[in-house]
């Protein structure tokens, strides 16, 4: 994965677009269903659920597919920013 780079004015420069966002021209825009899926995934990780359970719940509740890699990446990002949850 390559580090996301965004200009001071908010323009996308390079890097991997994070789950929950997409590119629209040169701007990152939110994908509400994916961001809601992230909240659900974090809640289920806190409850000790496994990847298969989390992926199934996210698919059922939000119509979004989340791979184990995406769930792990989300949690790495959360831990890096906020510490253990």
PDB file of N, CA and C in Angstrom:
ATOM      1  N   UNK A   1       0.835  -1.178   0.000  1.00  0.00           N
ATOM      2  CA  UNK A   1       0.000   0.000   0.000  1.00  0.00           C
ATOM      3  C   UNK A   1       0.881   1.243   0.000  1.00  0.00           C
ATOM      4  N   UNK A   2       0.472   2.230  -0.778  1.00  0.00           N
ATOM      5  CA  UNK A   2       1.243   3.463  -0.809  1.00  0.00           C
ATOM      6  C   UNK A   2       0.530   4.541   0.003  1.00  0.00           C
ATOM      7  N   UNK A   3       1.329   5.368   0.632  1.00  0.00           N
ATOM      8  CA  UNK A   3       0.798   6.397   1.518  1.00  0.00           C
ATOM      9  C   UNK A   3      -0.031   7.409   0.737  1.00  0.00           C
ATOM     10  N   UNK A   4      -1.171   7.752   1.288  1.00  0.00           N
ATOM     11  CA  UNK A   4      -2.055   8.743   0.688  1.00  0.00           C
ATOM     12  C   UNK A   4      -1.418  10.121   0.803  1.00  0.00           C
ATOM     13  N   UNK A   5      -1.428  10.864  -0.294  1.00  0.00           N
ATOM     14  CA  UNK A   5      -0.910  12.233  -0.294  1.00  0.00           C
ATOM     15  C   UNK A   5      -1.996  13.155  -0.835  1.00  0.00           C
ATOM     16  N   UNK A   6      -2.291  14.196  -0.045  1.00  0.00           N
ATOM     17  CA  UNK A   6      -3.320  15.166  -0.397  1.00  0.00           C
ATOM     18  C   UNK A   6      -2.712  16.553  -0.240  1.00  0.00           C
ATOM     19  N   UNK A   7      -2.972  17.425  -1.210  1.00  0.00           N
ATOM     20  CA  UNK A   7      -2.464  18.800  -1.164  1.00  0.00           C
ATOM     21  C   UNK A   7      -3.176  19.584  -0.058  1.00  0.00           C
ATOM     22  N   UNK A   8      -2.588  20.701   0.338  1.00  0.00           N
ATOM     23  CA  UNK A   8      -3.182  21.539   1.377  1.00  0.00           C
ATOM     24  C   UNK A   8      -4.587  21.991   1.021  1.00  0.00           C
ATOM     25  N   UNK A   9      -4.861  22.161  -0.260  1.00  0.00           N
ATOM     26  CA  UNK A   9      -6.194  22.595  -0.680  1.00  0.00           C
ATOM     27  C   UNK A   9      -7.158  21.421  -0.850  1.00  0.00           C
ATOM     28  N   UNK A  10      -6.724  20.217  -0.475  1.00  0.00           N
ATOM     29  CA  UNK A  10      -7.591  19.051  -0.501  1.00  0.00           C
ATOM     30  C   UNK A  10      -7.542  18.211  -1.759  1.00  0.00           C
ATOM     31  N   UNK A  11      -6.745  18.615  -2.745  1.00  0.00           N
ATOM     32  CA  UNK A  11      -6.644  17.823  -3.975  1.00  0.00           C
ATOM     33  C   UNK A  11      -5.875  16.539  -3.721  1.00  0.00           C
ATOM     34  N   UNK A  12      -6.351  15.464  -4.317  1.00  0.00           N
ATOM     35  CA  UNK A  12      -5.661  14.176  -4.257  1.00  0.00           C
ATOM     36  C   UNK A  12      -4.398  14.266  -5.096  1.00  0.00           C
ATOM     37  N   UNK A  13      -3.280  13.822  -4.534  1.00  0.00           N
ATOM     38  CA  UNK A  13      -2.016  13.829  -5.265  1.00  0.00           C
ATOM     39  C   UNK A  13      -1.600  12.415  -5.665  1.00  0.00           C
ATOM     40  N   UNK A  14      -1.590  11.489  -4.707  1.00  0.00           N
ATOM     41  CA  UNK A  14      -1.185  10.112  -5.014  1.00  0.00           C
ATOM     42  C   UNK A  14      -1.471   9.217  -3.817  1.00  0.00           C
ATOM     43  N   UNK A  15      -1.241   7.928  -4.024  1.00  0.00           N
ATOM     44  CA  UNK A  15      -1.385   6.954  -2.949  1.00  0.00           C
ATOM     45  C   UNK A  15      -2.691   6.190  -3.030  1.00  0.00           C
ATOM     46  N   UNK A  16      -2.806   5.238  -2.117  1.00  0.00           N
ATOM     47  CA  UNK A  16      -4.012   4.410  -2.074  1.00  0.00           C
ATOM     48  C   UNK A  16      -5.180   5.207  -1.509  1.00  0.00           C
ATOM     49  N   UNK A  17      -6.299   5.132  -2.202  1.00  0.00           N
ATOM     50  CA  UNK A  17      -7.519   5.780  -1.733  1.00  0.00           C
ATOM     51  C   UNK A  17      -8.092   4.913  -0.609  1.00  0.00           C
ATOM     52  N   UNK A  18      -8.308   5.482   0.570  1.00  0.00           N
ATOM     53  CA  UNK A  18      -8.771   4.680   1.695  1.00  0.00           C
ATOM     54  C   UNK A  18     -10.189   4.156   1.492  1.00  0.00           C
ATOM     55  N   UNK A  19     -10.459   3.000   2.103  1.00  0.00           N
ATOM     56  CA  UNK A  19     -11.801   2.443   2.108  1.00  0.00           C
ATOM     57  C   UNK A  19     -12.725   3.478   2.732  1.00  0.00           C
ATOM     58  N   UNK A  20     -13.861   3.709   2.123  1.00  0.00           N
ATOM     59  CA  UNK A  20     -14.791   4.721   2.612  1.00  0.00           C
ATOM     60  C   UNK A  20     -14.733   6.004   1.804  1.00  0.00           C
ATOM     61  N   UNK A  21     -13.802   6.058   0.865  1.00  0.00           N
ATOM     62  CA  UNK A  21     -13.646   7.235   0.013  1.00  0.00           C
ATOM     63  C   UNK A  21     -13.451   6.787  -1.435  1.00  0.00           C
ATOM     64  N   UNK A  22     -13.733   7.684  -2.347  1.00  0.00           N
ATOM     65  CA  UNK A  22     -13.476   7.446  -3.758  1.00  0.00           C
ATOM     66  C   UNK A  22     -13.005   8.759  -4.370  1.00  0.00           C
ATOM     67  N   UNK A  23     -12.456   8.671  -5.546  1.00  0.00           N
ATOM     68  CA  UNK A  23     -12.016   9.883  -6.241  1.00  0.00           C
ATOM     69  C   UNK A  23     -13.131  10.402  -7.135  1.00  0.00           C
ATOM     70  N   UNK A  24     -13.340  11.688  -7.065  1.00  0.00           N
ATOM     71  CA  UNK A  24     -14.233  12.371  -7.984  1.00  0.00           C
ATOM     72  C   UNK A  24     -13.424  13.518  -8.553  1.00  0.00           C
ATOM     73  N   UNK A  25     -13.039  13.368  -9.808  1.00  0.00           N
ATOM     74  CA  UNK A  25     -12.065  14.250 -10.452  1.00  0.00           C
ATOM     75  C   UNK A  25     -10.779  14.204  -9.628  1.00  0.00           C
ATOM     76  N   UNK A  26     -10.368  15.309  -8.999  1.00  0.00           N
ATOM     77  CA  UNK A  26      -9.118  15.290  -8.219  1.00  0.00           C
ATOM     78  C   UNK A  26      -9.379  15.432  -6.718  1.00  0.00           C
ATOM     79  N   UNK A  27     -10.582  15.058  -6.279  1.00  0.00           N
ATOM     80  CA  UNK A  27     -10.960  15.182  -4.868  1.00  0.00           C
ATOM     81  C   UNK A  27     -11.378  13.831  -4.301  1.00  0.00           C
ATOM     82  N   UNK A  28     -11.054  13.621  -3.022  1.00  0.00           N
ATOM     83  CA  UNK A  28     -11.566  12.466  -2.310  1.00  0.00           C
ATOM     84  C   UNK A  28     -12.961  12.816  -1.803  1.00  0.00           C
ATOM     85  N   UNK A  29     -13.907  11.933  -2.055  1.00  0.00           N
ATOM     86  CA  UNK A  29     -15.259  12.122  -1.541  1.00  0.00           C
ATOM     87  C   UNK A  29     -15.656  10.887  -0.740  1.00  0.00           C
ATOM     88  N   UNK A  30     -16.482  11.096   0.253  1.00  0.00           N
ATOM     89  CA  UNK A  30     -16.922  10.009   1.121  1.00  0.00           C
ATOM     90  C   UNK A  30     -17.906   9.095   0.408  1.00  0.00           C
ATOM     91  N   UNK A  31     -17.830   7.810   0.748  1.00  0.00           N
ATOM     92  CA  UNK A  31     -18.810   6.815   0.315  1.00  0.00           C
ATOM     93  C   UNK A  31     -19.551   6.414   1.587  1.00  0.00           C
ATOM     94  N   UNK A  32     -20.732   6.991   1.833  1.00  0.00           N
ATOM     95  CA  UNK A  32     -21.415   6.794   3.114  1.00  0.00           C
ATOM     96  C   UNK A  32     -21.602   5.335   3.520  1.00  0.00           C
ATOM     97  N   UNK A  33     -21.973   4.472   2.609  1.00  0.00           N
ATOM     98  CA  UNK A  33     -22.197   3.070   2.978  1.00  0.00           C
ATOM     99  C   UNK A  33     -20.903   2.412   3.447  1.00  0.00           C
ATOM    100  N   UNK A  34     -19.776   2.770   2.838  1.00  0.00           N
ATOM    101  CA  UNK A  34     -18.495   2.205   3.258  1.00  0.00           C
ATOM    102  C   UNK A  34     -18.055   2.769   4.609  1.00  0.00           C
ATOM    103  N   UNK A  35     -18.298   4.045   4.850  1.00  0.00           N
ATOM    104  CA  UNK A  35     -17.942   4.626   6.148  1.00  0.00           C
ATOM    105  C   UNK A  35     -18.807   4.033   7.256  1.00  0.00           C
ATOM    106  N   UNK A  36     -20.091   3.815   6.968  1.00  0.00           N
ATOM    107  CA  UNK A  36     -20.958   3.151   7.948  1.00  0.00           C
ATOM    108  C   UNK A  36     -20.475   1.727   8.207  1.00  0.00           C
ATOM    109  N   UNK A  37     -20.014   1.046   7.158  1.00  0.00           N
ATOM    110  CA  UNK A  37     -19.481  -0.309   7.308  1.00  0.00           C
ATOM    111  C   UNK A  37     -18.247  -0.306   8.204  1.00  0.00           C
ATOM    112  N   UNK A  38     -17.436   0.731   8.112  1.00  0.00           N
ATOM    113  CA  UNK A  38     -16.244   0.836   8.973  1.00  0.00           C
ATOM    114  C   UNK A  38     -16.646   0.929  10.440  1.00  0.00           C
ATOM    115  N   UNK A  39     -17.668   1.709  10.737  1.00  0.00           N
ATOM    116  CA  UNK A  39     -18.138   1.840  12.124  1.00  0.00           C
ATOM    117  C   UNK A  39     -18.612   0.486  12.634  1.00  0.00           C
ATOM    118  N   UNK A  40     -19.367  -0.228  11.808  1.00  0.00           N
ATOM    119  CA  UNK A  40     -19.846  -1.558  12.189  1.00  0.00           C
ATOM    120  C   UNK A  40     -18.678  -2.504  12.416  1.00  0.00           C
ATOM    121  N   UNK A  41     -17.709  -2.488  11.513  1.00  0.00           N
ATOM    122  CA  UNK A  41     -16.544  -3.374  11.643  1.00  0.00           C
ATOM    123  C   UNK A  41     -15.781  -3.087  12.926  1.00  0.00           C
ATOM    124  N   UNK A  42     -15.560  -1.833  13.247  1.00  0.00           N
ATOM    125  CA  UNK A  42     -14.848  -1.475  14.474  1.00  0.00           C
ATOM    126  C   UNK A  42     -15.621  -1.972  15.697  1.00  0.00           C
ATOM    127  N   UNK A  43     -16.933  -1.768  15.703  1.00  0.00           N
ATOM    128  CA  UNK A  43     -17.763  -2.232  16.827  1.00  0.00           C
ATOM    129  C   UNK A  43     -17.645  -3.741  16.998  1.00  0.00           C
ATOM    130  N   UNK A  44     -17.666  -4.485  15.896  1.00  0.00           N
ATOM    131  CA  UNK A  44     -17.603  -5.940  15.972  1.00  0.00           C
ATOM    132  C   UNK A  44     -16.219  -6.429  16.388  1.00  0.00           C
ATOM    133  N   UNK A  45     -15.171  -5.726  15.970  1.00  0.00           N
ATOM    134  CA  UNK A  45     -13.818  -6.079  16.435  1.00  0.00           C
ATOM    135  C   UNK A  45     -13.753  -5.902  17.944  1.00  0.00           C
ATOM    136  N   UNK A  46     -14.306  -4.796  18.437  1.00  0.00           N
ATOM    137  CA  UNK A  46     -14.321  -4.555  19.890  1.00  0.00           C
ATOM    138  C   UNK A  46     -15.063  -5.656  20.630  1.00  0.00           C
ATOM    139  N   UNK A  47     -16.049  -6.265  19.975  1.00  0.00           N
ATOM    140  CA  UNK A  47     -16.820  -7.350  20.576  1.00  0.00           C
ATOM    141  C   UNK A  47     -16.112  -8.699  20.444  1.00  0.00           C
ATOM    142  N   UNK A  48     -14.969  -8.711  19.775  1.00  0.00           N
ATOM    143  CA  UNK A  48     -14.193  -9.935  19.638  1.00  0.00           C
ATOM    144  C   UNK A  48     -14.644 -10.854  18.513  1.00  0.00           C
ATOM    145  N   UNK A  49     -15.424 -10.336  17.579  1.00  0.00           N
ATOM    146  CA  UNK A  49     -15.908 -11.160  16.457  1.00  0.00           C
ATOM    147  C   UNK A  49     -14.771 -11.421  15.470  1.00  0.00           C
ATOM    148  N   UNK A  50     -14.852 -12.542  14.768  1.00  0.00           N
ATOM    149  CA  UNK A  50     -13.810 -12.889  13.792  1.00  0.00           C
ATOM    150  C   UNK A  50     -14.107 -12.245  12.429  1.00  0.00           C
ATOM    151  N   UNK A  51     -13.127 -12.346  11.538  1.00  0.00           N
ATOM    152  CA  UNK A  51     -13.248 -11.701  10.227  1.00  0.00           C
ATOM    153  C   UNK A  51     -14.473 -12.175   9.453  1.00  0.00           C
ATOM    154  N   UNK A  52     -14.744 -13.458   9.472  1.00  0.00           N
ATOM    155  CA  UNK A  52     -15.882 -13.992   8.711  1.00  0.00           C
ATOM    156  C   UNK A  52     -17.194 -13.399   9.223  1.00  0.00           C
ATOM    157  N   UNK A  53     -17.331 -13.306  10.540  1.00  0.00           N
ATOM    158  CA  UNK A  53     -18.539 -12.725  11.132  1.00  0.00           C
ATOM    159  C   UNK A  53     -18.662 -11.244  10.747  1.00  0.00           C
ATOM    160  N   UNK A  54     -17.569 -10.529  10.851  1.00  0.00           N
ATOM    161  CA  UNK A  54     -17.573  -9.093  10.528  1.00  0.00           C
ATOM    162  C   UNK A  54     -17.929  -8.883   9.067  1.00  0.00           C
ATOM    163  N   UNK A  55     -17.303  -9.624   8.173  1.00  0.00           N
ATOM    164  CA  UNK A  55     -17.575  -9.474   6.739  1.00  0.00           C
ATOM    165  C   UNK A  55     -19.040  -9.765   6.427  1.00  0.00           C
ATOM    166  N   UNK A  56     -19.592 -10.807   7.039  1.00  0.00           N
ATOM    167  CA  UNK A  56     -20.996 -11.161   6.797  1.00  0.00           C
ATOM    168  C   UNK A  56     -21.932 -10.072   7.326  1.00  0.00           C
ATOM    169  N   UNK A  57     -21.647  -9.542   8.510  1.00  0.00           N
ATOM    170  CA  UNK A  57     -22.492  -8.503   9.094  1.00  0.00           C
ATOM    171  C   UNK A  57     -22.453  -7.228   8.260  1.00  0.00           C
ATOM    172  N   UNK A  58     -21.272  -6.849   7.812  1.00  0.00           N
ATOM    173  CA  UNK A  58     -21.115  -5.641   6.999  1.00  0.00           C
ATOM    174  C   UNK A  58     -21.861  -5.808   5.665  1.00  0.00           C
ATOM    175  N   UNK A  59     -21.749  -6.976   5.076  1.00  0.00           N
ATOM    176  CA  UNK A  59     -22.441  -7.255   3.813  1.00  0.00           C
ATOM    177  C   UNK A  59     -23.955  -7.178   4.016  1.00  0.00           C
ATOM    178  N   UNK A  60     -24.444  -7.784   5.100  1.00  0.00           N
ATOM    179  CA  UNK A  60     -25.885  -7.810   5.355  1.00  0.00           C
ATOM    180  C   UNK A  60     -26.427  -6.430   5.719  1.00  0.00           C
ATOM    181  N   UNK A  61     -25.729  -5.716   6.603  1.00  0.00           N
ATOM    182  CA  UNK A  61     -26.225  -4.426   7.096  1.00  0.00           C
ATOM    183  C   UNK A  61     -26.036  -3.269   6.124  1.00  0.00           C
ATOM    184  N   UNK A  62     -24.945  -3.319   5.340  1.00  0.00           N
ATOM    185  CA  UNK A  62     -24.601  -2.154   4.518  1.00  0.00           C
ATOM    186  C   UNK A  62     -24.470  -2.464   3.029  1.00  0.00           C
ATOM    187  N   UNK A  63     -24.541  -3.739   2.659  1.00  0.00           N
ATOM    188  CA  UNK A  63     -24.391  -4.104   1.248  1.00  0.00           C
ATOM    189  C   UNK A  63     -22.983  -3.858   0.735  1.00  0.00           C
ATOM    190  N   UNK A  64     -22.007  -3.924   1.633  1.00  0.00           N
ATOM    191  CA  UNK A  64     -20.614  -3.622   1.306  1.00  0.00           C
ATOM    192  C   UNK A  64     -19.759  -4.856   1.558  1.00  0.00           C
ATOM    193  N   UNK A  65     -18.852  -5.145   0.647  1.00  0.00           N
ATOM    194  CA  UNK A  65     -17.890  -6.233   0.826  1.00  0.00           C
ATOM    195  C   UNK A  65     -16.628  -5.679   1.471  1.00  0.00           C
ATOM    196  N   UNK A  66     -16.197  -6.301   2.562  1.00  0.00           N
ATOM    197  CA  UNK A  66     -14.936  -5.940   3.213  1.00  0.00           C
ATOM    198  C   UNK A  66     -14.097  -7.200   3.335  1.00  0.00           C
ATOM    199  N   UNK A  67     -12.915  -7.160   2.767  1.00  0.00           N
ATOM    200  CA  UNK A  67     -12.008  -8.301   2.853  1.00  0.00           C
ATOM    201  C   UNK A  67     -11.285  -8.289   4.206  1.00  0.00           C
ATOM    202  N   UNK A  68     -10.651  -9.386   4.509  1.00  0.00           N
ATOM    203  CA  UNK A  68      -9.860  -9.463   5.741  1.00  0.00           C
ATOM    204  C   UNK A  68      -8.761  -8.401   5.708  1.00  0.00           C
ATOM    205  N   UNK A  69      -8.155  -8.196   4.551  1.00  0.00           N
ATOM    206  CA  UNK A  69      -7.105  -7.189   4.413  1.00  0.00           C
ATOM    207  C   UNK A  69      -7.650  -5.789   4.704  1.00  0.00           C
ATOM    208  N   UNK A  70      -8.859  -5.494   4.232  1.00  0.00           N
ATOM    209  CA  UNK A  70      -9.449  -4.178   4.480  1.00  0.00           C
ATOM    210  C   UNK A  70      -9.787  -4.000   5.961  1.00  0.00           C
ATOM    211  N   UNK A  71     -10.314  -5.046   6.586  1.00  0.00           N
ATOM    212  CA  UNK A  71     -10.633  -4.967   8.012  1.00  0.00           C
ATOM    213  C   UNK A  71      -9.348  -4.773   8.815  1.00  0.00           C
ATOM    214  N   UNK A  72      -8.321  -5.548   8.489  1.00  0.00           N
ATOM    215  CA  UNK A  72      -7.038  -5.405   9.194  1.00  0.00           C
ATOM    216  C   UNK A  72      -6.452  -4.013   8.981  1.00  0.00           C
ATOM    217  N   UNK A  73      -6.526  -3.501   7.762  1.00  0.00           N
ATOM    218  CA  UNK A  73      -6.015  -2.160   7.474  1.00  0.00           C
ATOM    219  C   UNK A  73      -6.773  -1.089   8.231  1.00  0.00           C
ATOM    220  N   UNK A  74      -8.081  -1.244   8.320  1.00  0.00           N
ATOM    221  CA  UNK A  74      -8.900  -0.307   9.082  1.00  0.00           C
ATOM    222  C   UNK A  74      -8.472  -0.298  10.539  1.00  0.00           C
ATOM    223  N   UNK A  75      -8.308  -1.475  11.118  1.00  0.00           N
ATOM    224  CA  UNK A  75      -7.952  -1.553  12.530  1.00  0.00           C
ATOM    225  C   UNK A  75      -6.533  -1.044  12.778  1.00  0.00           C
ATOM    226  N   UNK A  76      -5.628  -1.291  11.871  1.00  0.00           N
ATOM    227  CA  UNK A  76      -4.267  -0.741  11.996  1.00  0.00           C
ATOM    228  C   UNK A  76      -4.326   0.776  12.022  1.00  0.00           C
ATOM    229  N   UNK A  77      -5.135   1.343  11.142  1.00  0.00           N
ATOM    230  CA  UNK A  77      -5.286   2.792  11.085  1.00  0.00           C
ATOM    231  C   UNK A  77      -5.909   3.338  12.374  1.00  0.00           C
ATOM    232  N   UNK A  78      -6.928   2.664  12.884  1.00  0.00           N
ATOM    233  CA  UNK A  78      -7.582   3.096  14.118  1.00  0.00           C
ATOM    234  C   UNK A  78      -6.588   3.040  15.282  1.00  0.00           C
ATOM    235  N   UNK A  79      -5.860   1.923  15.404  1.00  0.00           N
ATOM    236  CA  UNK A  79      -4.889   1.784  16.498  1.00  0.00           C
ATOM    237  C   UNK A  79      -3.788   2.833  16.399  1.00  0.00           C
ATOM    238  N   UNK A  80      -3.330   3.095  15.178  1.00  0.00           N
ATOM    239  CA  UNK A  80      -2.258   4.080  14.987  1.00  0.00           C
ATOM    240  C   UNK A  80      -2.736   5.461  15.412  1.00  0.00           C
ATOM    241  N   UNK A  81      -3.972   5.768  15.095  1.00  0.00           N
ATOM    242  CA  UNK A  81      -4.475   7.110  15.389  1.00  0.00           C
ATOM    243  C   UNK A  81      -4.970   7.274  16.834  1.00  0.00           C
ATOM    244  N   UNK A  82      -5.637   6.247  17.357  1.00  0.00           N
ATOM    245  CA  UNK A  82      -6.294   6.379  18.662  1.00  0.00           C
ATOM    246  C   UNK A  82      -5.745   5.482  19.758  1.00  0.00           C
ATOM    247  N   UNK A  83      -4.881   4.526  19.383  1.00  0.00           N
ATOM    248  CA  UNK A  83      -4.411   3.563  20.358  1.00  0.00           C
ATOM    249  C   UNK A  83      -5.411   2.427  20.493  1.00  0.00           C
ATOM    250  N   UNK A  84      -5.171   1.521  21.421  1.00  0.00           N
ATOM    251  CA  UNK A  84      -6.085   0.397  21.594  1.00  0.00           C
ATOM    252  C   UNK A  84      -7.511   0.872  21.899  1.00  0.00           C
ATOM    253  N   UNK A  85      -8.460   0.186  21.313  1.00  0.00           N
ATOM    254  CA  UNK A  85      -9.857   0.581  21.542  1.00  0.00           C
ATOM    255  C   UNK A  85     -10.572  -0.424  22.419  1.00  0.00           C
TER     256      UNK A  85
END
